[in-house]
Every structure is written in structure tokens, then in C-alpha cells.
């Protein structure tokens, strides 16, 4: 049940985030951000912070990118730091 609540919170946060996202967002964005949230669930952050971070990172990536956000962030430290700050990520 806890996972269902977290998943619903993430979807609600994503819907709110993409409601104000640039027009370039495509249908894969929710999938990419959802995977990023899942990849970071054990990092000690709230689902809202993780979702904000993942959404920020997704928005910085090209629509043609084939790597996941988690893979892409490893070679884009500047973007990772900016999104961590923007999302309010603690301890990064």
C-alpha cells in the first residue's frame, strides 16, 4: 500500500510539473522521470524532491537522448548540481 501511495504522489507531482513544462515535452517524459524516481527512491529524499530533480534533469536532456536520466546524469555534473539545487536535494 505504501508503494501505491508513493507512486500516486509521484504521478500527481509529475502531472503538475509537466503542466508547466516547455512544449517540447514528449510522451516518453513520464516514463523517463518515473524510472529516475524509482532509481533514486533509496537516496533519503522525499518523493517530491526526487520528482522535481528528475523532472529538471529530463528537461535538460535532448528529446533524442537514448540514455536514462540516471545514466545521463553521470556525464553531466553541471546539470546534476543545478537540478539538485533547484529541487532542494539535501546532502549532494
PDB file of N, CA and C in Angstrom:
ATOM      1  N   UNK A   1       0.823  -1.188   0.000  1.00  0.00           N
ATOM      2  CA  UNK A   1       0.000   0.000   0.000  1.00  0.00           C
ATOM      3  C   UNK A   1       0.871   1.258   0.000  1.00  0.00           C
ATOM      4  N   UNK A   2       1.982   1.218   0.769  1.00  0.00           N
ATOM      5  CA  UNK A   2       2.872   2.376   0.831  1.00  0.00           C
ATOM      6  C   UNK A   2       3.422   2.710  -0.555  1.00  0.00           C
ATOM      7  N   UNK A   3       3.784   1.676  -1.325  1.00  0.00           N
ATOM      8  CA  UNK A   3       4.319   1.911  -2.667  1.00  0.00           C
ATOM      9  C   UNK A   3       3.265   2.524  -3.577  1.00  0.00           C
ATOM     10  N   UNK A   4       2.011   2.131  -3.407  1.00  0.00           N
ATOM     11  CA  UNK A   4       0.928   2.687  -4.204  1.00  0.00           C
ATOM     12  C   UNK A   4       0.764   4.173  -3.911  1.00  0.00           C
ATOM     13  N   UNK A   5       0.813   4.528  -2.642  1.00  0.00           N
ATOM     14  CA  UNK A   5       0.677   5.934  -2.251  1.00  0.00           C
ATOM     15  C   UNK A   5       1.837   6.750  -2.813  1.00  0.00           C
ATOM     16  N   UNK A   6       3.050   6.225  -2.696  1.00  0.00           N
ATOM     17  CA  UNK A   6       4.225   6.926  -3.233  1.00  0.00           C
ATOM     18  C   UNK A   6       4.099   7.067  -4.744  1.00  0.00           C
ATOM     19  N   UNK A   7       3.664   6.016  -5.419  1.00  0.00           N
ATOM     20  CA  UNK A   7       3.507   6.070  -6.872  1.00  0.00           C
ATOM     21  C   UNK A   7       2.456   7.101  -7.272  1.00  0.00           C
ATOM     22  N   UNK A   8       1.348   7.131  -6.551  1.00  0.00           N
ATOM     23  CA  UNK A   8       0.305   8.114  -6.856  1.00  0.00           C
ATOM     24  C   UNK A   8       0.795   9.532  -6.605  1.00  0.00           C
ATOM     25  N   UNK A   9       1.560   9.723  -5.541  1.00  0.00           N
ATOM     26  CA  UNK A   9       2.123  11.048  -5.255  1.00  0.00           C
ATOM     27  C   UNK A   9       3.081  11.460  -6.368  1.00  0.00           C
ATOM     28  N   UNK A  10       3.879  10.523  -6.842  1.00  0.00           N
ATOM     29  CA  UNK A  10       4.829  10.824  -7.920  1.00  0.00           C
ATOM     30  C   UNK A  10       4.085  11.192  -9.196  1.00  0.00           C
ATOM     31  N   UNK A  11       3.033  10.461  -9.520  1.00  0.00           N
ATOM     32  CA  UNK A  11       2.263  10.755 -10.726  1.00  0.00           C
ATOM     33  C   UNK A  11       1.602  12.131 -10.613  1.00  0.00           C
ATOM     34  N   UNK A  12       1.052  12.434  -9.437  1.00  0.00           N
ATOM     35  CA  UNK A  12       0.430  13.750  -9.241  1.00  0.00           C
ATOM     36  C   UNK A  12       1.459  14.866  -9.378  1.00  0.00           C
ATOM     37  N   UNK A  13       2.647  14.642  -8.815  1.00  0.00           N
ATOM     38  CA  UNK A  13       3.705  15.642  -8.917  1.00  0.00           C
ATOM     39  C   UNK A  13       4.160  15.798 -10.360  1.00  0.00           C
ATOM     40  N   UNK A  14       4.273  14.680 -11.065  1.00  0.00           N
ATOM     41  CA  UNK A  14       4.657  14.735 -12.484  1.00  0.00           C
ATOM     42  C   UNK A  14       3.611  15.490 -13.301  1.00  0.00           C
ATOM     43  N   UNK A  15       2.356  15.222 -13.043  1.00  0.00           N
ATOM     44  CA  UNK A  15       1.298  15.903 -13.783  1.00  0.00           C
ATOM     45  C   UNK A  15       1.372  17.408 -13.562  1.00  0.00           C
ATOM     46  N   UNK A  16       1.608  17.792 -12.322  1.00  0.00           N
ATOM     47  CA  UNK A  16       1.733  19.221 -12.019  1.00  0.00           C
ATOM     48  C   UNK A  16       2.970  19.811 -12.681  1.00  0.00           C
ATOM     49  N   UNK A  17       4.068  19.083 -12.630  1.00  0.00           N
ATOM     50  CA  UNK A  17       5.323  19.570 -13.203  1.00  0.00           C
ATOM     51  C   UNK A  17       5.226  19.714 -14.721  1.00  0.00           C
ATOM     52  N   UNK A  18       4.641  18.730 -15.383  1.00  0.00           N
ATOM     53  CA  UNK A  18       4.564  18.785 -16.828  1.00  0.00           C
ATOM     54  C   UNK A  18       3.473  19.713 -17.313  1.00  0.00           C
ATOM     55  N   UNK A  19       2.566  20.081 -16.424  1.00  0.00           N
ATOM     56  CA  UNK A  19       1.552  21.057 -16.795  1.00  0.00           C
ATOM     57  C   UNK A  19       2.186  22.397 -17.118  1.00  0.00           C
ATOM     58  N   UNK A  20       3.351  22.671 -16.511  1.00  0.00           N
ATOM     59  CA  UNK A  20       4.041  23.931 -16.767  1.00  0.00           C
ATOM     60  C   UNK A  20       5.362  23.725 -17.509  1.00  0.00           C
ATOM     61  N   UNK A  21       5.581  22.515 -17.996  1.00  0.00           N
ATOM     62  CA  UNK A  21       6.824  22.206 -18.703  1.00  0.00           C
ATOM     63  C   UNK A  21       6.788  22.815 -20.097  1.00  0.00           C
ATOM     64  N   UNK A  22       7.966  22.988 -20.679  1.00  0.00           N
ATOM     65  CA  UNK A  22       8.022  23.526 -22.032  1.00  0.00           C
ATOM     66  C   UNK A  22       7.265  22.640 -23.022  1.00  0.00           C
ATOM     67  N   UNK A  23       6.858  23.206 -24.118  1.00  0.00           N
ATOM     68  CA  UNK A  23       6.079  22.481 -25.117  1.00  0.00           C
ATOM     69  C   UNK A  23       6.854  21.321 -25.725  1.00  0.00           C
ATOM     70  N   UNK A  24       8.167  21.291 -25.583  1.00  0.00           N
ATOM     71  CA  UNK A  24       8.964  20.232 -26.192  1.00  0.00           C
ATOM     72  C   UNK A  24       8.827  18.885 -25.483  1.00  0.00           C
ATOM     73  N   UNK A  25       8.165  18.833 -24.332  1.00  0.00           N
ATOM     74  CA  UNK A  25       7.967  17.577 -23.613  1.00  0.00           C
ATOM     75  C   UNK A  25       7.245  16.591 -24.514  1.00  0.00           C
ATOM     76  N   UNK A  26       7.667  15.324 -24.463  1.00  0.00           N
ATOM     77  CA  UNK A  26       7.000  14.325 -25.282  1.00  0.00           C
ATOM     78  C   UNK A  26       6.448  13.211 -24.405  1.00  0.00           C
ATOM     79  N   UNK A  27       5.824  12.242 -25.027  1.00  0.00           N
ATOM     80  CA  UNK A  27       5.117  11.197 -24.300  1.00  0.00           C
ATOM     81  C   UNK A  27       6.039  10.306 -23.471  1.00  0.00           C
ATOM     82  N   UNK A  28       7.317  10.257 -23.787  1.00  0.00           N
ATOM     83  CA  UNK A  28       8.247   9.428 -23.025  1.00  0.00           C
ATOM     84  C   UNK A  28       8.685  10.082 -21.719  1.00  0.00           C
ATOM     85  N   UNK A  29       8.413  11.372 -21.544  1.00  0.00           N
ATOM     86  CA  UNK A  29       8.886  12.081 -20.362  1.00  0.00           C
ATOM     87  C   UNK A  29       8.420  11.430 -19.060  1.00  0.00           C
ATOM     88  N   UNK A  30       7.156  11.069 -18.976  1.00  0.00           N
ATOM     89  CA  UNK A  30       6.632  10.466 -17.750  1.00  0.00           C
ATOM     90  C   UNK A  30       7.355   9.151 -17.469  1.00  0.00           C
ATOM     91  N   UNK A  31       7.617   8.374 -18.519  1.00  0.00           N
ATOM     92  CA  UNK A  31       8.338   7.109 -18.363  1.00  0.00           C
ATOM     93  C   UNK A  31       9.761   7.356 -17.852  1.00  0.00           C
ATOM     94  N   UNK A  32      10.470   8.314 -18.463  1.00  0.00           N
ATOM     95  CA  UNK A  32      11.846   8.618 -18.074  1.00  0.00           C
ATOM     96  C   UNK A  32      11.910   9.109 -16.635  1.00  0.00           C
ATOM     97  N   UNK A  33      11.030  10.051 -16.299  1.00  0.00           N
ATOM     98  CA  UNK A  33      11.034  10.616 -14.947  1.00  0.00           C
ATOM     99  C   UNK A  33      10.630   9.547 -13.936  1.00  0.00           C
ATOM    100  N   UNK A  34       9.641   8.738 -14.274  1.00  0.00           N
ATOM    101  CA  UNK A  34       9.228   7.650 -13.380  1.00  0.00           C
ATOM    102  C   UNK A  34      10.365   6.690 -13.082  1.00  0.00           C
ATOM    103  N   UNK A  35      11.156   6.360 -14.099  1.00  0.00           N
ATOM    104  CA  UNK A  35      12.300   5.467 -13.892  1.00  0.00           C
ATOM    105  C   UNK A  35      13.349   6.140 -13.014  1.00  0.00           C
ATOM    106  N   UNK A  36      13.578   7.412 -13.234  1.00  0.00           N
ATOM    107  CA  UNK A  36      14.537   8.168 -12.422  1.00  0.00           C
ATOM    108  C   UNK A  36      14.088   8.191 -10.965  1.00  0.00           C
ATOM    109  N   UNK A  37      12.795   8.428 -10.725  1.00  0.00           N
ATOM    110  CA  UNK A  37      12.268   8.430  -9.352  1.00  0.00           C
ATOM    111  C   UNK A  37      12.506   7.067  -8.719  1.00  0.00           C
ATOM    112  N   UNK A  38      12.238   6.015  -9.458  1.00  0.00           N
ATOM    113  CA  UNK A  38      12.457   4.649  -8.956  1.00  0.00           C
ATOM    114  C   UNK A  38      13.943   4.419  -8.666  1.00  0.00           C
ATOM    115  N   UNK A  39      14.809   4.871  -9.556  1.00  0.00           N
ATOM    116  CA  UNK A  39      16.254   4.695  -9.377  1.00  0.00           C
ATOM    117  C   UNK A  39      16.770   5.411  -8.130  1.00  0.00           C
ATOM    118  N   UNK A  40      16.104   6.485  -7.729  1.00  0.00           N
ATOM    119  CA  UNK A  40      16.576   7.311  -6.616  1.00  0.00           C
ATOM    120  C   UNK A  40      15.761   7.157  -5.335  1.00  0.00           C
ATOM    121  N   UNK A  41      14.853   6.201  -5.286  1.00  0.00           N
ATOM    122  CA  UNK A  41      13.942   6.068  -4.149  1.00  0.00           C
ATOM    123  C   UNK A  41      14.644   5.810  -2.826  1.00  0.00           C
ATOM    124  N   UNK A  42      15.814   5.250  -2.837  1.00  0.00           N
ATOM    125  CA  UNK A  42      16.540   4.926  -1.605  1.00  0.00           C
ATOM    126  C   UNK A  42      17.602   5.962  -1.246  1.00  0.00           C
ATOM    127  N   UNK A  43      17.520   7.151  -1.812  1.00  0.00           N
ATOM    128  CA  UNK A  43      18.522   8.192  -1.593  1.00  0.00           C
ATOM    129  C   UNK A  43      18.222   9.085  -0.390  1.00  0.00           C
ATOM    130  N   UNK A  44      17.144   8.798   0.344  1.00  0.00           N
ATOM    131  CA  UNK A  44      16.847   9.556   1.550  1.00  0.00           C
ATOM    132  C   UNK A  44      16.170  10.897   1.313  1.00  0.00           C
ATOM    133  N   UNK A  45      15.558  11.061   0.141  1.00  0.00           N
ATOM    134  CA  UNK A  45      14.862  12.305  -0.201  1.00  0.00           C
ATOM    135  C   UNK A  45      13.360  12.028  -0.284  1.00  0.00           C
ATOM    136  N   UNK A  46      12.555  13.085  -0.174  1.00  0.00           N
ATOM    137  CA  UNK A  46      11.118  12.911  -0.351  1.00  0.00           C
ATOM    138  C   UNK A  46      10.812  12.654  -1.821  1.00  0.00           C
ATOM    139  N   UNK A  47       9.662  12.055  -2.088  1.00  0.00           N
ATOM    140  CA  UNK A  47       9.271  11.795  -3.465  1.00  0.00           C
ATOM    141  C   UNK A  47       9.118  13.109  -4.232  1.00  0.00           C
ATOM    142  N   UNK A  48       8.729  14.172  -3.544  1.00  0.00           N
ATOM    143  CA  UNK A  48       8.588  15.468  -4.206  1.00  0.00           C
ATOM    144  C   UNK A  48       9.949  16.009  -4.662  1.00  0.00           C
ATOM    145  N   UNK A  49      10.956  15.890  -3.804  1.00  0.00           N
ATOM    146  CA  UNK A  49      12.305  16.354  -4.153  1.00  0.00           C
ATOM    147  C   UNK A  49      12.864  15.522  -5.305  1.00  0.00           C
ATOM    148  N   UNK A  50      12.715  14.212  -5.212  1.00  0.00           N
ATOM    149  CA  UNK A  50      13.226  13.333  -6.268  1.00  0.00           C
ATOM    150  C   UNK A  50      12.522  13.633  -7.592  1.00  0.00           C
ATOM    151  N   UNK A  51      11.214  13.800  -7.542  1.00  0.00           N
ATOM    152  CA  UNK A  51      10.461  14.078  -8.765  1.00  0.00           C
ATOM    153  C   UNK A  51      10.858  15.419  -9.367  1.00  0.00           C
ATOM    154  N   UNK A  52      11.052  16.421  -8.518  1.00  0.00           N
ATOM    155  CA  UNK A  52      11.488  17.731  -9.018  1.00  0.00           C
ATOM    156  C   UNK A  52      12.871  17.620  -9.665  1.00  0.00           C
ATOM    157  N   UNK A  53      13.772  16.880  -9.033  1.00  0.00           N
ATOM    158  CA  UNK A  53      15.117  16.675  -9.571  1.00  0.00           C
ATOM    159  C   UNK A  53      15.048  15.958 -10.929  1.00  0.00           C
ATOM    160  N   UNK A  54      14.304  14.863 -10.964  1.00  0.00           N
ATOM    161  CA  UNK A  54      14.219  14.072 -12.189  1.00  0.00           C
ATOM    162  C   UNK A  54      13.559  14.854 -13.317  1.00  0.00           C
ATOM    163  N   UNK A  55      12.546  15.640 -13.000  1.00  0.00           N
ATOM    164  CA  UNK A  55      11.877  16.464 -13.997  1.00  0.00           C
ATOM    165  C   UNK A  55      12.836  17.512 -14.547  1.00  0.00           C
ATOM    166  N   UNK A  56      13.597  18.142 -13.661  1.00  0.00           N
ATOM    167  CA  UNK A  56      14.593  19.125 -14.080  1.00  0.00           C
ATOM    168  C   UNK A  56      15.619  18.484 -15.016  1.00  0.00           C
ATOM    169  N   UNK A  57      16.142  17.331 -14.620  1.00  0.00           N
ATOM    170  CA  UNK A  57      17.138  16.641 -15.449  1.00  0.00           C
ATOM    171  C   UNK A  57      16.539  16.267 -16.806  1.00  0.00           C
ATOM    172  N   UNK A  58      15.316  15.761 -16.796  1.00  0.00           N
ATOM    173  CA  UNK A  58      14.653  15.390 -18.043  1.00  0.00           C
ATOM    174  C   UNK A  58      14.513  16.595 -18.965  1.00  0.00           C
ATOM    175  N   UNK A  59      14.176  17.728 -18.391  1.00  0.00           N
ATOM    176  CA  UNK A  59      14.004  18.936 -19.199  1.00  0.00           C
ATOM    177  C   UNK A  59      15.316  19.432 -19.794  1.00  0.00           C
ATOM    178  N   UNK A  60      16.431  19.075 -19.199  1.00  0.00           N
ATOM    179  CA  UNK A  60      17.740  19.484 -19.718  1.00  0.00           C
ATOM    180  C   UNK A  60      18.240  18.547 -20.821  1.00  0.00           C
ATOM    181  N   UNK A  61      17.651  17.368 -20.902  1.00  0.00           N
ATOM    182  CA  UNK A  61      18.080  16.381 -21.883  1.00  0.00           C
ATOM    183  C   UNK A  61      17.423  16.612 -23.239  1.00  0.00           C
ATOM    184  N   UNK A  62      18.107  16.217 -24.286  1.00  0.00           N
ATOM    185  CA  UNK A  62      17.546  16.275 -25.633  1.00  0.00           C
ATOM    186  C   UNK A  62      16.418  15.257 -25.759  1.00  0.00           C
ATOM    187  N   UNK A  63      15.419  15.580 -26.550  1.00  0.00           N
ATOM    188  CA  UNK A  63      14.331  14.627 -26.813  1.00  0.00           C
ATOM    189  C   UNK A  63      14.839  13.396 -27.568  1.00  0.00           C
ATOM    190  N   UNK A  64      16.003  13.505 -28.163  1.00  0.00           N
ATOM    191  CA  UNK A  64      16.591  12.381 -28.906  1.00  0.00           C
ATOM    192  C   UNK A  64      17.495  11.511 -28.054  1.00  0.00           C
ATOM    193  N   UNK A  65      17.664  11.845 -26.786  1.00  0.00           N
ATOM    194  CA  UNK A  65      18.553  11.089 -25.900  1.00  0.00           C
ATOM    195  C   UNK A  65      18.026   9.675 -25.714  1.00  0.00           C
ATOM    196  N   UNK A  66      18.930   8.699 -25.746  1.00  0.00           N
ATOM    197  CA  UNK A  66      18.533   7.297 -25.577  1.00  0.00           C
ATOM    198  C   UNK A  66      18.904   6.746 -24.208  1.00  0.00           C
ATOM    199  N   UNK A  67      19.764   7.459 -23.470  1.00  0.00           N
ATOM    200  CA  UNK A  67      20.131   7.003 -22.128  1.00  0.00           C
ATOM    201  C   UNK A  67      19.063   7.414 -21.121  1.00  0.00           C
ATOM    202  N   UNK A  68      18.986   6.660 -20.019  1.00  0.00           N
ATOM    203  CA  UNK A  68      18.085   7.055 -18.950  1.00  0.00           C
ATOM    204  C   UNK A  68      18.646   8.296 -18.270  1.00  0.00           C
ATOM    205  N   UNK A  69      17.811   8.953 -17.470  1.00  0.00           N
ATOM    206  CA  UNK A  69      18.277  10.113 -16.720  1.00  0.00           C
ATOM    207  C   UNK A  69      19.423   9.706 -15.816  1.00  0.00           C
ATOM    208  N   UNK A  70      19.300   8.563 -15.167  1.00  0.00           N
ATOM    209  CA  UNK A  70      20.335   8.080 -14.254  1.00  0.00           C
ATOM    210  C   UNK A  70      21.655   7.856 -14.984  1.00  0.00           C
ATOM    211  N   UNK A  71      21.612   7.356 -16.197  1.00  0.00           N
ATOM    212  CA  UNK A  71      22.835   7.168 -16.981  1.00  0.00           C
ATOM    213  C   UNK A  71      23.383   8.517 -17.447  1.00  0.00           C
ATOM    214  N   UNK A  72      22.514   9.377 -17.919  1.00  0.00           N
ATOM    215  CA  UNK A  72      22.906  10.672 -18.479  1.00  0.00           C
ATOM    216  C   UNK A  72      23.539  11.572 -17.431  1.00  0.00           C
ATOM    217  N   UNK A  73      22.992  11.550 -16.209  1.00  0.00           N
ATOM    218  CA  UNK A  73      23.485  12.453 -15.171  1.00  0.00           C
ATOM    219  C   UNK A  73      24.956  12.201 -14.824  1.00  0.00           C
ATOM    220  N   UNK A  74      25.431  10.990 -15.024  1.00  0.00           N
ATOM    221  CA  UNK A  74      26.813  10.647 -14.685  1.00  0.00           C
ATOM    222  C   UNK A  74      27.830  11.400 -15.547  1.00  0.00           C
ATOM    223  N   UNK A  75      27.430  11.819 -16.734  1.00  0.00           N
ATOM    224  CA  UNK A  75      28.335  12.568 -17.601  1.00  0.00           C
ATOM    225  C   UNK A  75      27.933  14.036 -17.713  1.00  0.00           C
ATOM    226  N   UNK A  76      27.003  14.475 -16.874  1.00  0.00           N
ATOM    227  CA  UNK A  76      26.522  15.864 -16.906  1.00  0.00           C
ATOM    228  C   UNK A  76      26.452  16.419 -15.487  1.00  0.00           C
ATOM    229  N   UNK A  77      27.616  16.561 -14.869  1.00  0.00           N
ATOM    230  CA  UNK A  77      27.707  17.007 -13.476  1.00  0.00           C
ATOM    231  C   UNK A  77      27.143  18.408 -13.257  1.00  0.00           C
ATOM    232  N   UNK A  78      27.356  19.309 -14.192  1.00  0.00           N
ATOM    233  CA  UNK A  78      26.852  20.677 -14.044  1.00  0.00           C
ATOM    234  C   UNK A  78      25.331  20.676 -13.962  1.00  0.00           C
ATOM    235  N   UNK A  79      24.686  19.942 -14.854  1.00  0.00           N
ATOM    236  CA  UNK A  79      23.230  19.852 -14.856  1.00  0.00           C
ATOM    237  C   UNK A  79      22.730  19.167 -13.588  1.00  0.00           C
ATOM    238  N   UNK A  80      23.436  18.111 -13.161  1.00  0.00           N
ATOM    239  CA  UNK A  80      23.053  17.388 -11.954  1.00  0.00           C
ATOM    240  C   UNK A  80      23.092  18.314 -10.741  1.00  0.00           C
ATOM    241  N   UNK A  81      24.141  19.101 -10.622  1.00  0.00           N
ATOM    242  CA  UNK A  81      24.265  20.025  -9.495  1.00  0.00           C
ATOM    243  C   UNK A  81      23.188  21.101  -9.537  1.00  0.00           C
ATOM    244  N   UNK A  82      22.916  21.631 -10.732  1.00  0.00           N
ATOM    245  CA  UNK A  82      21.881  22.663 -10.867  1.00  0.00           C
ATOM    246  C   UNK A  82      20.507  22.107 -10.503  1.00  0.00           C
ATOM    247  N   UNK A  83      20.193  20.919 -10.968  1.00  0.00           N
ATOM    248  CA  UNK A  83      18.889  20.321 -10.675  1.00  0.00           C
ATOM    249  C   UNK A  83      18.777  19.912  -9.208  1.00  0.00           C
ATOM    250  N   UNK A  84      19.874  19.451  -8.626  1.00  0.00           N
ATOM    251  CA  UNK A  84      19.869  19.116  -7.199  1.00  0.00           C
ATOM    252  C   UNK A  84      19.546  20.349  -6.368  1.00  0.00           C
ATOM    253  N   UNK A  85      20.174  21.459  -6.712  1.00  0.00           N
ATOM    254  CA  UNK A  85      19.932  22.716  -6.001  1.00  0.00           C
ATOM    255  C   UNK A  85      18.493  23.166  -6.201  1.00  0.00           C
ATOM    256  N   UNK A  86      18.045  23.160  -7.434  1.00  0.00           N
ATOM    257  CA  UNK A  86      16.670  23.593  -7.756  1.00  0.00           C
ATOM    258  C   UNK A  86      15.634  22.747  -7.031  1.00  0.00           C
ATOM    259  N   UNK A  87      15.868  21.446  -6.929  1.00  0.00           N
ATOM    260  CA  UNK A  87      14.904  20.534  -6.297  1.00  0.00           C
ATOM    261  C   UNK A  87      14.957  20.565  -4.772  1.00  0.00           C
ATOM    262  N   UNK A  88      16.039  21.123  -4.222  1.00  0.00           N
ATOM    263  CA  UNK A  88      16.194  21.129  -2.770  1.00  0.00           C
ATOM    264  C   UNK A  88      16.759  19.827  -2.230  1.00  0.00           C
ATOM    265  N   UNK A  89      17.553  19.144  -3.057  1.00  0.00           N
ATOM    266  CA  UNK A  89      18.173  17.881  -2.682  1.00  0.00           C
ATOM    267  C   UNK A  89      19.173  18.136  -1.570  1.00  0.00           C
ATOM    268  N   UNK A  90      19.048  17.453  -0.466  1.00  0.00           N
ATOM    269  CA  UNK A  90      19.945  17.616   0.687  1.00  0.00           C
ATOM    270  C   UNK A  90      21.064  16.588   0.635  1.00  0.00           C
ATOM    271  N   UNK A  91      22.276  17.028   0.898  1.00  0.00           N
ATOM    272  CA  UNK A  91      23.404  16.112   1.012  1.00  0.00           C
ATOM    273  C   UNK A  91      24.086  15.758  -0.283  1.00  0.00           C
ATOM    274  N   UNK A  92      23.873  16.512  -1.329  1.00  0.00           N
ATOM    275  CA  UNK A  92      24.551  16.219  -2.607  1.00  0.00           C
ATOM    276  C   UNK A  92      25.606  17.213  -2.886  1.00  0.00           C
TER     277      UNK A  92
END
